[in-house]
Amino acid sequence: MLTADLLRQAGEALYGSEEWRHSMARLLGEHHPEGPRESVDPRRVARWATGQREIPPWVGPLLARLLRERAADASQIARDIEGT
């Protein structure tokens, strides 16, 4: 289950900075279940991260998939750098 703390950890893992909320809002907008949009409201992401609002059920599975994809990409780049 996606908690506020795990949302923050995912944001920092994907974007590596304190400004992850805006980047995540754009990413979530692209994958919104009601159709792509420029962004979800970054204030909403911030409220999810502080526990002020409930995180929608579609966000957790999407973030898990994106984290796995990024990890696989990073692994491939590491192998390319090492020449293996």
PDB file of N, CA and C in Angstrom:
ATOM      1  N   MET A   1       0.846  -1.188   0.000  1.00  0.00           N
ATOM      2  CA  MET A   1       0.000   0.000   0.000  1.00  0.00           C
ATOM      3  C   MET A   1       0.886   1.243   0.000  1.00  0.00           C
ATOM      4  N   LEU A   2       0.522   2.195  -0.821  1.00  0.00           N
ATOM      5  CA  LEU A   2       1.304   3.419  -0.937  1.00  0.00           C
ATOM      6  C   LEU A   2       0.960   4.369   0.208  1.00  0.00           C
ATOM      7  N   THR A   3       1.956   4.675   1.009  1.00  0.00           N
ATOM      8  CA  THR A   3       1.800   5.624   2.113  1.00  0.00           C
ATOM      9  C   THR A   3       2.432   6.952   1.711  1.00  0.00           C
ATOM     10  N   ALA A   4       2.201   7.978   2.519  1.00  0.00           N
ATOM     11  CA  ALA A   4       2.802   9.279   2.255  1.00  0.00           C
ATOM     12  C   ALA A   4       4.329   9.170   2.249  1.00  0.00           C
ATOM     13  N   ASP A   5       4.881   8.395   3.161  1.00  0.00           N
ATOM     14  CA  ASP A   5       6.329   8.242   3.228  1.00  0.00           C
ATOM     15  C   ASP A   5       6.868   7.523   1.995  1.00  0.00           C
ATOM     16  N   LEU A   6       6.174   6.479   1.553  1.00  0.00           N
ATOM     17  CA  LEU A   6       6.618   5.770   0.348  1.00  0.00           C
ATOM     18  C   LEU A   6       6.472   6.648  -0.896  1.00  0.00           C
ATOM     19  N   LEU A   7       5.445   7.487  -0.934  1.00  0.00           N
ATOM     20  CA  LEU A   7       5.294   8.432  -2.047  1.00  0.00           C
ATOM     21  C   LEU A   7       6.501   9.360  -2.104  1.00  0.00           C
ATOM     22  N   ARG A   8       6.900   9.881  -0.959  1.00  0.00           N
ATOM     23  CA  ARG A   8       8.063  10.767  -0.892  1.00  0.00           C
ATOM     24  C   ARG A   8       9.322  10.029  -1.334  1.00  0.00           C
ATOM     25  N   GLN A   9       9.500   8.802  -0.845  1.00  0.00           N
ATOM     26  CA  GLN A   9      10.678   8.022  -1.229  1.00  0.00           C
ATOM     27  C   GLN A   9      10.703   7.760  -2.734  1.00  0.00           C
ATOM     28  N   ALA A  10       9.548   7.440  -3.302  1.00  0.00           N
ATOM     29  CA  ALA A  10       9.471   7.208  -4.744  1.00  0.00           C
ATOM     30  C   ALA A  10       9.798   8.484  -5.504  1.00  0.00           C
ATOM     31  N   GLY A  11       9.258   9.600  -5.053  1.00  0.00           N
ATOM     32  CA  GLY A  11       9.543  10.882  -5.707  1.00  0.00           C
ATOM     33  C   GLY A  11      11.015  11.229  -5.677  1.00  0.00           C
ATOM     34  N   GLU A  12      11.639  11.031  -4.540  1.00  0.00           N
ATOM     35  CA  GLU A  12      13.067  11.327  -4.426  1.00  0.00           C
ATOM     36  C   GLU A  12      13.901  10.343  -5.237  1.00  0.00           C
ATOM     37  N   ALA A  13      13.480   9.081  -5.317  1.00  0.00           N
ATOM     38  CA  ALA A  13      14.215   8.098  -6.115  1.00  0.00           C
ATOM     39  C   ALA A  13      14.100   8.416  -7.602  1.00  0.00           C
ATOM     40  N   LEU A  14      12.934   8.872  -8.032  1.00  0.00           N
ATOM     41  CA  LEU A  14      12.735   9.173  -9.448  1.00  0.00           C
ATOM     42  C   LEU A  14      13.367  10.496  -9.852  1.00  0.00           C
ATOM     43  N   TYR A  15      13.351  11.482  -8.953  1.00  0.00           N
ATOM     44  CA  TYR A  15      13.768  12.834  -9.323  1.00  0.00           C
ATOM     45  C   TYR A  15      14.919  13.392  -8.510  1.00  0.00           C
ATOM     46  N   GLY A  16      15.251  12.769  -7.395  1.00  0.00           N
ATOM     47  CA  GLY A  16      16.445  13.109  -6.637  1.00  0.00           C
ATOM     48  C   GLY A  16      16.551  14.506  -6.089  1.00  0.00           C
ATOM     49  N   SER A  17      15.447  15.164  -5.829  1.00  0.00           N
ATOM     50  CA  SER A  17      15.546  16.511  -5.286  1.00  0.00           C
ATOM     51  C   SER A  17      14.318  16.835  -4.456  1.00  0.00           C
ATOM     52  N   GLU A  18      14.366  17.961  -3.812  1.00  0.00           N
ATOM     53  CA  GLU A  18      13.230  18.414  -3.025  1.00  0.00           C
ATOM     54  C   GLU A  18      12.079  18.878  -3.915  1.00  0.00           C
ATOM     55  N   GLU A  19      12.347  19.126  -5.185  1.00  0.00           N
ATOM     56  CA  GLU A  19      11.317  19.591  -6.113  1.00  0.00           C
ATOM     57  C   GLU A  19      10.624  18.440  -6.825  1.00  0.00           C
ATOM     58  N   TRP A  20      10.676  17.256  -6.268  1.00  0.00           N
ATOM     59  CA  TRP A  20      10.105  16.080  -6.916  1.00  0.00           C
ATOM     60  C   TRP A  20       8.601  16.172  -7.091  1.00  0.00           C
ATOM     61  N   ARG A  21       7.936  16.940  -6.263  1.00  0.00           N
ATOM     62  CA  ARG A  21       6.473  17.005  -6.329  1.00  0.00           C
ATOM     63  C   ARG A  21       5.982  17.532  -7.675  1.00  0.00           C
ATOM     64  N   HIS A  22       6.637  18.567  -8.197  1.00  0.00           N
ATOM     65  CA  HIS A  22       6.227  19.133  -9.488  1.00  0.00           C
ATOM     66  C   HIS A  22       6.503  18.152 -10.624  1.00  0.00           C
ATOM     67  N   SER A  23       7.656  17.506 -10.589  1.00  0.00           N
ATOM     68  CA  SER A  23       7.985  16.523 -11.616  1.00  0.00           C
ATOM     69  C   SER A  23       7.024  15.344 -11.553  1.00  0.00           C
ATOM     70  N   MET A  24       6.714  14.886 -10.354  1.00  0.00           N
ATOM     71  CA  MET A  24       5.791  13.775 -10.216  1.00  0.00           C
ATOM     72  C   MET A  24       4.395  14.179 -10.677  1.00  0.00           C
ATOM     73  N   ALA A  25       3.978  15.403 -10.399  1.00  0.00           N
ATOM     74  CA  ALA A  25       2.661  15.874 -10.840  1.00  0.00           C
ATOM     75  C   ALA A  25       2.557  15.816 -12.363  1.00  0.00           C
ATOM     76  N   ARG A  26       3.624  16.208 -13.072  1.00  0.00           N
ATOM     77  CA  ARG A  26       3.622  16.134 -14.541  1.00  0.00           C
ATOM     78  C   ARG A  26       3.568  14.682 -15.002  1.00  0.00           C
ATOM     79  N   LEU A  27       4.365  13.835 -14.365  1.00  0.00           N
ATOM     80  CA  LEU A  27       4.387  12.419 -14.723  1.00  0.00           C
ATOM     81  C   LEU A  27       3.017  11.771 -14.510  1.00  0.00           C
ATOM     82  N   LEU A  28       2.409  12.045 -13.369  1.00  0.00           N
ATOM     83  CA  LEU A  28       1.094  11.474 -13.083  1.00  0.00           C
ATOM     84  C   LEU A  28       0.034  11.999 -14.051  1.00  0.00           C
ATOM     85  N   GLY A  29       0.178  13.249 -14.468  1.00  0.00           N
ATOM     86  CA  GLY A  29      -0.743  13.807 -15.458  1.00  0.00           C
ATOM     87  C   GLY A  29      -0.703  13.031 -16.760  1.00  0.00           C
ATOM     88  N   GLU A  30       0.497  12.668 -17.197  1.00  0.00           N
ATOM     89  CA  GLU A  30       0.656  11.900 -18.441  1.00  0.00           C
ATOM     90  C   GLU A  30      -0.054  10.555 -18.372  1.00  0.00           C
ATOM     91  N   HIS A  31      -0.141   9.979 -17.184  1.00  0.00           N
ATOM     92  CA  HIS A  31      -0.682   8.633 -16.989  1.00  0.00           C
ATOM     93  C   HIS A  31      -2.030   8.624 -16.265  1.00  0.00           C
ATOM     94  N   HIS A  32      -2.702   9.748 -16.220  1.00  0.00           N
ATOM     95  CA  HIS A  32      -3.961   9.848 -15.475  1.00  0.00           C
ATOM     96  C   HIS A  32      -4.994   8.872 -16.045  1.00  0.00           C
ATOM     97  N   PRO A  33      -5.717   8.154 -15.179  1.00  0.00           N
ATOM     98  CA  PRO A  33      -6.669   7.152 -15.664  1.00  0.00           C
ATOM     99  C   PRO A  33      -7.832   7.732 -16.463  1.00  0.00           C
ATOM    100  N   GLU A  34      -8.110   9.011 -16.309  1.00  0.00           N
ATOM    101  CA  GLU A  34      -9.190   9.648 -17.076  1.00  0.00           C
ATOM    102  C   GLU A  34      -8.671  10.269 -18.369  1.00  0.00           C
ATOM    103  N   GLY A  35      -7.422   9.995 -18.687  1.00  0.00           N
ATOM    104  CA  GLY A  35      -6.818  10.520 -19.909  1.00  0.00           C
ATOM    105  C   GLY A  35      -5.657  11.433 -19.599  1.00  0.00           C
ATOM    106  N   PRO A  36      -4.683  11.454 -20.512  1.00  0.00           N
ATOM    107  CA  PRO A  36      -3.494  12.276 -20.295  1.00  0.00           C
ATOM    108  C   PRO A  36      -3.838  13.760 -20.166  1.00  0.00           C
ATOM    109  N   ARG A  37      -3.057  14.401 -19.338  1.00  0.00           N
ATOM    110  CA  ARG A  37      -3.168  15.843 -19.155  1.00  0.00           C
ATOM    111  C   ARG A  37      -1.781  16.377 -18.855  1.00  0.00           C
ATOM    112  N   GLU A  38      -1.629  17.667 -18.907  1.00  0.00           N
ATOM    113  CA  GLU A  38      -0.306  18.259 -18.683  1.00  0.00           C
ATOM    114  C   GLU A  38       0.243  17.899 -17.312  1.00  0.00           C
ATOM    115  N   SER A  39      -0.631  17.894 -16.308  1.00  0.00           N
ATOM    116  CA  SER A  39      -0.172  17.653 -14.940  1.00  0.00           C
ATOM    117  C   SER A  39      -1.376  17.423 -14.040  1.00  0.00           C
ATOM    118  N   VAL A  40      -1.138  16.776 -12.914  1.00  0.00           N
ATOM    119  CA  VAL A  40      -2.098  16.873 -11.823  1.00  0.00           C
ATOM    120  C   VAL A  40      -1.638  18.058 -10.989  1.00  0.00           C
ATOM    121  N   ASP A  41      -2.464  18.566 -10.158  1.00  0.00           N
ATOM    122  CA  ASP A  41      -2.114  19.728  -9.346  1.00  0.00           C
ATOM    123  C   ASP A  41      -0.973  19.373  -8.390  1.00  0.00           C
ATOM    124  N   PRO A  42       0.173  20.058  -8.492  1.00  0.00           N
ATOM    125  CA  PRO A  42       1.293  19.765  -7.582  1.00  0.00           C
ATOM    126  C   PRO A  42       0.933  19.931  -6.116  1.00  0.00           C
ATOM    127  N   ARG A  43      -0.024  20.785  -5.819  1.00  0.00           N
ATOM    128  CA  ARG A  43      -0.458  20.947  -4.422  1.00  0.00           C
ATOM    129  C   ARG A  43      -1.124  19.673  -3.917  1.00  0.00           C
ATOM    130  N   ARG A  44      -1.805  18.980  -4.832  1.00  0.00           N
ATOM    131  CA  ARG A  44      -2.439  17.718  -4.450  1.00  0.00           C
ATOM    132  C   ARG A  44      -1.365  16.691  -4.096  1.00  0.00           C
ATOM    133  N   VAL A  45      -0.310  16.616  -4.917  1.00  0.00           N
ATOM    134  CA  VAL A  45       0.796  15.687  -4.638  1.00  0.00           C
ATOM    135  C   VAL A  45       1.419  16.039  -3.290  1.00  0.00           C
ATOM    136  N   ALA A  46       1.587  17.326  -3.028  1.00  0.00           N
ATOM    137  CA  ALA A  46       2.153  17.755  -1.745  1.00  0.00           C
ATOM    138  C   ALA A  46       1.249  17.328  -0.585  1.00  0.00           C
ATOM    139  N   ARG A  47      -0.058  17.427  -0.763  1.00  0.00           N
ATOM    140  CA  ARG A  47      -0.988  17.013   0.295  1.00  0.00           C
ATOM    141  C   ARG A  47      -0.956  15.506   0.501  1.00  0.00           C
ATOM    142  N   TRP A  48      -0.782  14.760  -0.599  1.00  0.00           N
ATOM    143  CA  TRP A  48      -0.634  13.306  -0.465  1.00  0.00           C
ATOM    144  C   TRP A  48       0.615  13.000   0.352  1.00  0.00           C
ATOM    145  N   ALA A  49       1.694  13.730   0.064  1.00  0.00           N
ATOM    146  CA  ALA A  49       2.989  13.473   0.704  1.00  0.00           C
ATOM    147  C   ALA A  49       2.986  13.806   2.193  1.00  0.00           C
ATOM    148  N   THR A  50       2.098  14.693   2.611  1.00  0.00           N
ATOM    149  CA  THR A  50       2.026  15.040   4.028  1.00  0.00           C
ATOM    150  C   THR A  50       0.937  14.271   4.752  1.00  0.00           C
ATOM    151  N   GLY A  51       0.188  13.451   4.006  1.00  0.00           N
ATOM    152  CA  GLY A  51      -0.884  12.691   4.616  1.00  0.00           C
ATOM    153  C   GLY A  51      -2.176  13.468   4.784  1.00  0.00           C
ATOM    154  N   GLN A  52      -2.228  14.687   4.248  1.00  0.00           N
ATOM    155  CA  GLN A  52      -3.445  15.504   4.371  1.00  0.00           C
ATOM    156  C   GLN A  52      -4.581  14.996   3.484  1.00  0.00           C
ATOM    157  N   ARG A  53      -4.209  14.326   2.384  1.00  0.00           N
ATOM    158  CA  ARG A  53      -5.218  13.775   1.469  1.00  0.00           C
ATOM    159  C   ARG A  53      -4.868  12.339   1.160  1.00  0.00           C
ATOM    160  N   GLU A  54      -5.886  11.564   0.889  1.00  0.00           N
ATOM    161  CA  GLU A  54      -5.690  10.160   0.540  1.00  0.00           C
ATOM    162  C   GLU A  54      -5.119  10.053  -0.874  1.00  0.00           C
ATOM    163  N   ILE A  55      -4.180   9.144  -1.039  1.00  0.00           N
ATOM    164  CA  ILE A  55      -3.560   8.925  -2.348  1.00  0.00           C
ATOM    165  C   ILE A  55      -4.496   8.033  -3.165  1.00  0.00           C
ATOM    166  N   PRO A  56      -4.838   8.449  -4.395  1.00  0.00           N
ATOM    167  CA  PRO A  56      -5.734   7.623  -5.209  1.00  0.00           C
ATOM    168  C   PRO A  56      -5.137   6.242  -5.482  1.00  0.00           C
ATOM    169  N   PRO A  57      -5.971   5.232  -5.599  1.00  0.00           N
ATOM    170  CA  PRO A  57      -5.483   3.859  -5.755  1.00  0.00           C
ATOM    171  C   PRO A  57      -4.664   3.615  -7.022  1.00  0.00           C
ATOM    172  N   TRP A  58      -4.837   4.409  -8.056  1.00  0.00           N
ATOM    173  CA  TRP A  58      -4.093   4.189  -9.300  1.00  0.00           C
ATOM    174  C   TRP A  58      -2.641   4.648  -9.213  1.00  0.00           C
ATOM    175  N   VAL A  59      -2.299   5.485  -8.252  1.00  0.00           N
ATOM    176  CA  VAL A  59      -0.951   6.060  -8.171  1.00  0.00           C
ATOM    177  C   VAL A  59       0.089   5.008  -7.771  1.00  0.00           C
ATOM    178  N   GLY A  60      -0.200   4.175  -6.802  1.00  0.00           N
ATOM    179  CA  GLY A  60       0.766   3.184  -6.318  1.00  0.00           C
ATOM    180  C   GLY A  60       1.243   2.229  -7.399  1.00  0.00           C
ATOM    181  N   PRO A  61       0.336   1.544  -8.104  1.00  0.00           N
ATOM    182  CA  PRO A  61       0.780   0.624  -9.156  1.00  0.00           C
ATOM    183  C   PRO A  61       1.564   1.321 -10.268  1.00  0.00           C
ATOM    184  N   LEU A  62       1.155   2.531 -10.612  1.00  0.00           N
ATOM    185  CA  LEU A  62       1.881   3.275 -11.641  1.00  0.00           C
ATOM    186  C   LEU A  62       3.301   3.583 -11.188  1.00  0.00           C
ATOM    187  N   LEU A  63       3.461   4.082  -9.972  1.00  0.00           N
ATOM    188  CA  LEU A  63       4.799   4.403  -9.473  1.00  0.00           C
ATOM    189  C   LEU A  63       5.666   3.155  -9.352  1.00  0.00           C
ATOM    190  N   ALA A  64       5.084   2.044  -8.917  1.00  0.00           N
ATOM    191  CA  ALA A  64       5.855   0.799  -8.817  1.00  0.00           C
ATOM    192  C   ALA A  64       6.377   0.393 -10.198  1.00  0.00           C
ATOM    193  N   ARG A  65       5.521   0.476 -11.220  1.00  0.00           N
ATOM    194  CA  ARG A  65       5.939   0.129 -12.581  1.00  0.00           C
ATOM    195  C   ARG A  65       7.035   1.064 -13.082  1.00  0.00           C
ATOM    196  N   LEU A  66       6.869   2.355 -12.859  1.00  0.00           N
ATOM    197  CA  LEU A  66       7.863   3.317 -13.332  1.00  0.00           C
ATOM    198  C   LEU A  66       9.197   3.156 -12.615  1.00  0.00           C
ATOM    199  N   LEU A  67       9.157   2.875 -11.328  1.00  0.00           N
ATOM    200  CA  LEU A  67      10.398   2.633 -10.586  1.00  0.00           C
ATOM    201  C   LEU A  67      11.117   1.399 -11.122  1.00  0.00           C
ATOM    202  N   ARG A  68      10.374   0.344 -11.421  1.00  0.00           N
ATOM    203  CA  ARG A  68      10.987  -0.867 -11.990  1.00  0.00           C
ATOM    204  C   ARG A  68      11.611  -0.573 -13.351  1.00  0.00           C
ATOM    205  N   GLU A  69      10.902   0.204 -14.175  1.00  0.00           N
ATOM    206  CA  GLU A  69      11.436   0.550 -15.494  1.00  0.00           C
ATOM    207  C   GLU A  69      12.719   1.372 -15.367  1.00  0.00           C
ATOM    208  N   ARG A  70      12.710   2.344 -14.466  1.00  0.00           N
ATOM    209  CA  ARG A  70      13.907   3.173 -14.275  1.00  0.00           C
ATOM    210  C   ARG A  70      15.075   2.340 -13.762  1.00  0.00           C
ATOM    211  N   ALA A  71      14.791   1.402 -12.863  1.00  0.00           N
ATOM    212  CA  ALA A  71      15.842   0.542 -12.324  1.00  0.00           C
ATOM    213  C   ALA A  71      16.438  -0.318 -13.427  1.00  0.00           C
ATOM    214  N   ALA A  72      15.589  -0.851 -14.294  1.00  0.00           N
ATOM    215  CA  ALA A  72      16.080  -1.676 -15.403  1.00  0.00           C
ATOM    216  C   ALA A  72      16.918  -0.838 -16.357  1.00  0.00           C
ATOM    217  N   ASP A  73      16.471   0.380 -16.646  1.00  0.00           N
ATOM    218  CA  ASP A  73      17.235   1.273 -17.521  1.00  0.00           C
ATOM    219  C   ASP A  73      18.590   1.606 -16.911  1.00  0.00           C
ATOM    220  N   ALA A  74      18.599   1.913 -15.612  1.00  0.00           N
ATOM    221  CA  ALA A  74      19.856   2.250 -14.933  1.00  0.00           C
ATOM    222  C   ALA A  74      20.796   1.051 -14.927  1.00  0.00           C
ATOM    223  N   SER A  75      20.258  -0.125 -14.744  1.00  0.00           N
ATOM    224  CA  SER A  75      21.072  -1.342 -14.746  1.00  0.00           C
ATOM    225  C   SER A  75      21.715  -1.560 -16.109  1.00  0.00           C
ATOM    226  N   GLN A  76      20.944  -1.332 -17.167  1.00  0.00           N
ATOM    227  CA  GLN A  76      21.481  -1.497 -18.514  1.00  0.00           C
ATOM    228  C   GLN A  76      22.579  -0.475 -18.798  1.00  0.00           C
ATOM    229  N   ILE A  77      22.389   0.740 -18.375  1.00  0.00           N
ATOM    230  CA  ILE A  77      23.412   1.766 -18.564  1.00  0.00           C
ATOM    231  C   ILE A  77      24.679   1.392 -17.818  1.00  0.00           C
ATOM    232  N   ALA A  78      24.547   0.871 -16.590  1.00  0.00           N
ATOM    233  CA  ALA A  78      25.717   0.443 -15.815  1.00  0.00           C
ATOM    234  C   ALA A  78      26.458  -0.675 -16.564  1.00  0.00           C
ATOM    235  N   ARG A  79      25.692  -1.628 -17.120  1.00  0.00           N
ATOM    236  CA  ARG A  79      26.338  -2.717 -17.890  1.00  0.00           C
ATOM    237  C   ARG A  79      27.040  -2.161 -19.124  1.00  0.00           C
ATOM    238  N   ASP A  80      26.435  -1.187 -19.780  1.00  0.00           N
ATOM    239  CA  ASP A  80      27.061  -0.582 -20.955  1.00  0.00           C
ATOM    240  C   ASP A  80      28.363   0.137 -20.576  1.00  0.00           C
ATOM    241  N   ILE A  81      28.335   0.829 -19.456  1.00  0.00           N
ATOM    242  CA  ILE A  81      29.535   1.542 -18.991  1.00  0.00           C
ATOM    243  C   ILE A  81      30.653   0.536 -18.691  1.00  0.00           C
ATOM    244  N   GLU A  82      30.271  -0.556 -18.077  1.00  0.00           N
ATOM    245  CA  GLU A  82      31.261  -1.587 -17.718  1.00  0.00           C
ATOM    246  C   GLU A  82      31.673  -2.426 -18.912  1.00  0.00           C
ATOM    247  N   GLY A  83      30.953  -2.305 -20.013  1.00  0.00           N
ATOM    248  CA  GLY A  83      31.288  -3.066 -21.201  1.00  0.00           C
ATOM    249  C   GLY A  83      30.907  -4.525 -21.106  1.00  0.00           C
ATOM    250  N   THR A  84      29.885  -4.823 -20.297  1.00  0.00           N
ATOM    251  CA  THR A  84      29.455  -6.223 -20.156  1.00  0.00           C
ATOM    252  C   THR A  84      28.147  -6.468 -20.855  1.00  0.00           C
TER     253      THR A  84
END
